[in-house]
PDB file of N, CA and C in Angstrom:
ATOM      1  N   MET A   1       0.854  -1.157   0.000  1.00  0.00           N
ATOM      2  CA  MET A   1       0.000   0.000   0.000  1.00  0.00           C
ATOM      3  C   MET A   1       0.903   1.223   0.000  1.00  0.00           C
ATOM      4  N   SER A   2       0.509   2.219  -0.771  1.00  0.00           N
ATOM      5  CA  SER A   2       1.225   3.491  -0.763  1.00  0.00           C
ATOM      6  C   SER A   2       0.216   4.627  -0.749  1.00  0.00           C
ATOM      7  N   GLU A   3       0.649   5.743  -0.216  1.00  0.00           N
ATOM      8  CA  GLU A   3      -0.196   6.934  -0.120  1.00  0.00           C
ATOM      9  C   GLU A   3       0.658   8.129  -0.513  1.00  0.00           C
ATOM     10  N   CYS A   4       0.119   8.999  -1.357  1.00  0.00           N
ATOM     11  CA  CYS A   4       0.883  10.175  -1.757  1.00  0.00           C
ATOM     12  C   CYS A   4      -0.056  11.288  -2.207  1.00  0.00           C
ATOM     13  N   VAL A   5       0.519  12.470  -2.341  1.00  0.00           N
ATOM     14  CA  VAL A   5      -0.202  13.613  -2.897  1.00  0.00           C
ATOM     15  C   VAL A   5       0.477  13.938  -4.219  1.00  0.00           C
ATOM     16  N   ILE A   6      -0.301  13.967  -5.291  1.00  0.00           N
ATOM     17  CA  ILE A   6       0.234  14.309  -6.601  1.00  0.00           C
ATOM     18  C   ILE A   6      -0.382  15.627  -7.046  1.00  0.00           C
ATOM     19  N   THR A   7       0.275  16.295  -7.954  1.00  0.00           N
ATOM     20  CA  THR A   7      -0.254  17.541  -8.501  1.00  0.00           C
ATOM     21  C   THR A   7      -0.528  17.335  -9.983  1.00  0.00           C
ATOM     22  N   TYR A   8      -1.758  17.589 -10.385  1.00  0.00           N
ATOM     23  CA  TYR A   8      -2.163  17.435 -11.781  1.00  0.00           C
ATOM     24  C   TYR A   8      -2.773  18.747 -12.237  1.00  0.00           C
ATOM     25  N   ASP A   9      -2.189  19.368 -13.235  1.00  0.00           N
ATOM     26  CA  ASP A   9      -2.630  20.685 -13.709  1.00  0.00           C
ATOM     27  C   ASP A   9      -2.648  21.712 -12.577  1.00  0.00           C
ATOM     28  N   GLY A  10      -1.681  21.616 -11.668  1.00  0.00           N
ATOM     29  CA  GLY A  10      -1.558  22.574 -10.581  1.00  0.00           C
ATOM     30  C   GLY A  10      -2.486  22.338  -9.406  1.00  0.00           C
ATOM     31  N   VAL A  11      -3.275  21.264  -9.436  1.00  0.00           N
ATOM     32  CA  VAL A  11      -4.234  20.967  -8.368  1.00  0.00           C
ATOM     33  C   VAL A  11      -3.770  19.714  -7.622  1.00  0.00           C
ATOM     34  N   PRO A  12      -3.634  19.785  -6.273  1.00  0.00           N
ATOM     35  CA  PRO A  12      -3.220  18.594  -5.535  1.00  0.00           C
ATOM     36  C   PRO A  12      -4.338  17.556  -5.486  1.00  0.00           C
ATOM     37  N   SER A  13      -3.944  16.301  -5.504  1.00  0.00           N
ATOM     38  CA  SER A  13      -4.891  15.197  -5.430  1.00  0.00           C
ATOM     39  C   SER A  13      -4.253  14.092  -4.598  1.00  0.00           C
ATOM     40  N   TYR A  14      -5.032  13.478  -3.722  1.00  0.00           N
ATOM     41  CA  TYR A  14      -4.537  12.374  -2.912  1.00  0.00           C
ATOM     42  C   TYR A  14      -4.662  11.079  -3.699  1.00  0.00           C
ATOM     43  N   SER A  15      -3.669  10.217  -3.541  1.00  0.00           N
ATOM     44  CA  SER A  15      -3.655   8.943  -4.241  1.00  0.00           C
ATOM     45  C   SER A  15      -3.294   7.839  -3.255  1.00  0.00           C
ATOM     46  N   VAL A  16      -4.038   6.752  -3.309  1.00  0.00           N
ATOM     47  CA  VAL A  16      -3.737   5.560  -2.523  1.00  0.00           C
ATOM     48  C   VAL A  16      -3.649   4.398  -3.498  1.00  0.00           C
ATOM     49  N   SER A  17      -2.585   3.629  -3.399  1.00  0.00           N
ATOM     50  CA  SER A  17      -2.403   2.454  -4.247  1.00  0.00           C
ATOM     51  C   SER A  17      -2.327   1.219  -3.367  1.00  0.00           C
ATOM     52  N   ILE A  18      -3.062   0.191  -3.749  1.00  0.00           N
ATOM     53  CA  ILE A  18      -3.009  -1.097  -3.061  1.00  0.00           C
ATOM     54  C   ILE A  18      -2.449  -2.095  -4.066  1.00  0.00           C
ATOM     55  N   MET A  19      -1.346  -2.737  -3.696  1.00  0.00           N
ATOM     56  CA  MET A  19      -0.655  -3.625  -4.624  1.00  0.00           C
ATOM     57  C   MET A  19      -0.577  -5.042  -4.080  1.00  0.00           C
ATOM     58  N   GLU A  20      -0.691  -5.997  -4.983  1.00  0.00           N
ATOM     59  CA  GLU A  20      -0.520  -7.410  -4.653  1.00  0.00           C
ATOM     60  C   GLU A  20       0.793  -7.865  -5.288  1.00  0.00           C
ATOM     61  N   PHE A  21       1.664  -8.456  -4.476  1.00  0.00           N
ATOM     62  CA  PHE A  21       2.976  -8.888  -4.952  1.00  0.00           C
ATOM     63  C   PHE A  21       3.052 -10.408  -5.038  1.00  0.00           C
ATOM     64  N   THR A  22       3.741 -10.883  -6.053  1.00  0.00           N
ATOM     65  CA  THR A  22       4.089 -12.289  -6.192  1.00  0.00           C
ATOM     66  C   THR A  22       5.547 -12.338  -6.637  1.00  0.00           C
ATOM     67  N   ASP A  23       6.367 -13.063  -5.893  1.00  0.00           N
ATOM     68  CA  ASP A  23       7.796 -13.166  -6.213  1.00  0.00           C
ATOM     69  C   ASP A  23       8.436 -11.793  -6.408  1.00  0.00           C
ATOM     70  N   GLN A  24       8.154 -10.881  -5.521  1.00  0.00           N
ATOM     71  CA  GLN A  24       8.714  -9.527  -5.502  1.00  0.00           C
ATOM     72  C   GLN A  24       8.346  -8.690  -6.723  1.00  0.00           C
ATOM     73  N   GLN A  25       7.275  -9.059  -7.404  1.00  0.00           N
ATOM     74  CA  GLN A  25       6.781  -8.278  -8.534  1.00  0.00           C
ATOM     75  C   GLN A  25       5.316  -7.930  -8.299  1.00  0.00           C
ATOM     76  N   VAL A  26       4.911  -6.752  -8.763  1.00  0.00           N
ATOM     77  CA  VAL A  26       3.518  -6.334  -8.626  1.00  0.00           C
ATOM     78  C   VAL A  26       2.674  -7.131  -9.617  1.00  0.00           C
ATOM     79  N   MET A  27       1.705  -7.873  -9.097  1.00  0.00           N
ATOM     80  CA  MET A  27       0.810  -8.660  -9.941  1.00  0.00           C
ATOM     81  C   MET A  27      -0.507  -7.933 -10.191  1.00  0.00           C
ATOM     82  N   HIS A  28      -0.912  -7.104  -9.245  1.00  0.00           N
ATOM     83  CA  HIS A  28      -2.173  -6.368  -9.385  1.00  0.00           C
ATOM     84  C   HIS A  28      -2.058  -5.080  -8.582  1.00  0.00           C
ATOM     85  N   GLU A  29      -2.593  -4.001  -9.144  1.00  0.00           N
ATOM     86  CA  GLU A  29      -2.575  -2.714  -8.447  1.00  0.00           C
ATOM     87  C   GLU A  29      -3.910  -2.016  -8.659  1.00  0.00           C
ATOM     88  N   THR A  30      -4.461  -1.492  -7.580  1.00  0.00           N
ATOM     89  CA  THR A  30      -5.677  -0.685  -7.638  1.00  0.00           C
ATOM     90  C   THR A  30      -5.334   0.684  -7.074  1.00  0.00           C
ATOM     91  N   GLN A  31      -5.700   1.739  -7.803  1.00  0.00           N
ATOM     92  CA  GLN A  31      -5.413   3.102  -7.364  1.00  0.00           C
ATOM     93  C   GLN A  31      -6.712   3.857  -7.125  1.00  0.00           C
ATOM     94  N   TYR A  32      -6.707   4.658  -6.073  1.00  0.00           N
ATOM     95  CA  TYR A  32      -7.839   5.516  -5.736  1.00  0.00           C
ATOM     96  C   TYR A  32      -7.337   6.953  -5.688  1.00  0.00           C
ATOM     97  N   PHE A  33      -8.108   7.877  -6.241  1.00  0.00           N
ATOM     98  CA  PHE A  33      -7.749   9.291  -6.267  1.00  0.00           C
ATOM     99  C   PHE A  33      -8.883  10.102  -5.658  1.00  0.00           C
ATOM    100  N   ALA A  34      -8.528  11.156  -4.910  1.00  0.00           N
ATOM    101  CA  ALA A  34      -9.541  12.018  -4.299  1.00  0.00           C
ATOM    102  C   ALA A  34      -9.013  13.444  -4.204  1.00  0.00           C
ATOM    103  N   ASP A  35      -9.907  14.393  -4.385  1.00  0.00           N
ATOM    104  CA  ASP A  35      -9.564  15.791  -4.159  1.00  0.00           C
ATOM    105  C   ASP A  35      -9.447  16.025  -2.656  1.00  0.00           C
ATOM    106  N   PRO A  36      -8.609  16.974  -2.229  1.00  0.00           N
ATOM    107  CA  PRO A  36      -8.488  17.277  -0.804  1.00  0.00           C
ATOM    108  C   PRO A  36      -9.824  17.741  -0.216  1.00  0.00           C
ATOM    109  N   PHE A  37     -10.090  17.336   1.006  1.00  0.00           N
ATOM    110  CA  PHE A  37     -11.297  17.786   1.699  1.00  0.00           C
ATOM    111  C   PHE A  37     -11.022  17.805   3.194  1.00  0.00           C
ATOM    112  N   GLY A  38     -11.653  18.722   3.871  1.00  0.00           N
ATOM    113  CA  GLY A  38     -11.489  18.835   5.313  1.00  0.00           C
ATOM    114  C   GLY A  38     -12.455  17.916   6.050  1.00  0.00           C
ATOM    115  N   ALA A  39     -12.224  17.777   7.332  1.00  0.00           N
ATOM    116  CA  ALA A  39     -13.126  16.972   8.149  1.00  0.00           C
ATOM    117  C   ALA A  39     -14.461  17.690   8.282  1.00  0.00           C
ATOM    118  N   PRO A  40     -15.590  16.965   8.177  1.00  0.00           N
ATOM    119  CA  PRO A  40     -16.881  17.607   8.386  1.00  0.00           C
ATOM    120  C   PRO A  40     -16.992  18.117   9.827  1.00  0.00           C
ATOM    121  N   ALA A  41     -17.883  19.057  10.045  1.00  0.00           N
ATOM    122  CA  ALA A  41     -18.009  19.696  11.362  1.00  0.00           C
ATOM    123  C   ALA A  41     -18.186  18.679  12.487  1.00  0.00           C
ATOM    124  N   TRP A  42     -18.981  17.637  12.256  1.00  0.00           N
ATOM    125  CA  TRP A  42     -19.251  16.658  13.317  1.00  0.00           C
ATOM    126  C   TRP A  42     -18.005  15.855  13.690  1.00  0.00           C
ATOM    127  N   ARG A  43     -17.012  15.797  12.787  1.00  0.00           N
ATOM    128  CA  ARG A  43     -15.810  15.008  13.034  1.00  0.00           C
ATOM    129  C   ARG A  43     -14.573  15.867  13.280  1.00  0.00           C
ATOM    130  N   ALA A  44     -14.670  17.169  13.064  1.00  0.00           N
ATOM    131  CA  ALA A  44     -13.506  18.054  13.174  1.00  0.00           C
ATOM    132  C   ALA A  44     -12.850  17.970  14.551  1.00  0.00           C
ATOM    133  N   ALA A  45     -13.649  17.852  15.597  1.00  0.00           N
ATOM    134  CA  ALA A  45     -13.089  17.784  16.950  1.00  0.00           C
ATOM    135  C   ALA A  45     -12.337  16.476  17.187  1.00  0.00           C
ATOM    136  N   LEU A  46     -12.610  15.447  16.388  1.00  0.00           N
ATOM    137  CA  LEU A  46     -11.954  14.150  16.546  1.00  0.00           C
ATOM    138  C   LEU A  46     -10.707  14.014  15.676  1.00  0.00           C
ATOM    139  N   ALA A  47     -10.524  14.928  14.738  1.00  0.00           N
ATOM    140  CA  ALA A  47      -9.402  14.843  13.797  1.00  0.00           C
ATOM    141  C   ALA A  47      -8.230  15.684  14.280  1.00  0.00           C
ATOM    142  N   ASP A  48      -7.046  15.108  14.247  1.00  0.00           N
ATOM    143  CA  ASP A  48      -5.822  15.829  14.573  1.00  0.00           C
ATOM    144  C   ASP A  48      -5.048  16.050  13.280  1.00  0.00           C
ATOM    145  N   PRO A  49      -4.589  17.288  13.038  1.00  0.00           N
ATOM    146  CA  PRO A  49      -3.810  17.528  11.821  1.00  0.00           C
ATOM    147  C   PRO A  49      -2.482  16.775  11.878  1.00  0.00           C
ATOM    148  N   MET A  50      -2.065  16.264  10.737  1.00  0.00           N
ATOM    149  CA  MET A  50      -0.780  15.578  10.644  1.00  0.00           C
ATOM    150  C   MET A  50       0.297  16.592  10.278  1.00  0.00           C
ATOM    151  N   PRO A  51       1.467  16.517  10.898  1.00  0.00           N
ATOM    152  CA  PRO A  51       2.545  17.463  10.594  1.00  0.00           C
ATOM    153  C   PRO A  51       2.866  17.469   9.096  1.00  0.00           C
ATOM    154  N   GLY A  52       2.953  18.651   8.535  1.00  0.00           N
ATOM    155  CA  GLY A  52       3.312  18.786   7.133  1.00  0.00           C
ATOM    156  C   GLY A  52       2.189  18.531   6.153  1.00  0.00           C
ATOM    157  N   ARG A  53       0.974  18.236   6.635  1.00  0.00           N
ATOM    158  CA  ARG A  53      -0.139  17.953   5.737  1.00  0.00           C
ATOM    159  C   ARG A  53      -1.295  18.872   6.085  1.00  0.00           C
ATOM    160  N   THR A  54      -1.546  19.821   5.228  1.00  0.00           N
ATOM    161  CA  THR A  54      -2.645  20.748   5.440  1.00  0.00           C
ATOM    162  C   THR A  54      -3.539  20.748   4.214  1.00  0.00           C
ATOM    163  N   ILE A  55      -4.773  21.125   4.403  1.00  0.00           N
ATOM    164  CA  ILE A  55      -5.735  21.238   3.311  1.00  0.00           C
ATOM    165  C   ILE A  55      -6.213  22.675   3.295  1.00  0.00           C
ATOM    166  N   ALA A  56      -5.682  23.458   2.382  1.00  0.00           N
ATOM    167  CA  ALA A  56      -6.030  24.877   2.297  1.00  0.00           C
ATOM    168  C   ALA A  56      -7.476  25.041   1.873  1.00  0.00           C
ATOM    169  N   GLY A  57      -8.178  25.924   2.552  1.00  0.00           N
ATOM    170  CA  GLY A  57      -9.548  26.246   2.174  1.00  0.00           C
ATOM    171  C   GLY A  57     -10.581  25.210   2.540  1.00  0.00           C
ATOM    172  N   ALA A  58     -10.198  24.188   3.280  1.00  0.00           N
ATOM    173  CA  ALA A  58     -11.170  23.147   3.640  1.00  0.00           C
ATOM    174  C   ALA A  58     -11.912  23.529   4.898  1.00  0.00           C
TER     175      ALA A  58
END
């Protein structure tokens, strides 16, 4: 599994990849992409910001 932030046309996007390995080679990979979003109001009090990771305007 990998997680990263990529920039496409100047817009950041979160990416998560889940990979299946066989004999040290990737046999299958599924990728998920999402635009940045902040925690909803009901969950904001439960969320702690991660160092170095901010979501501007969320």
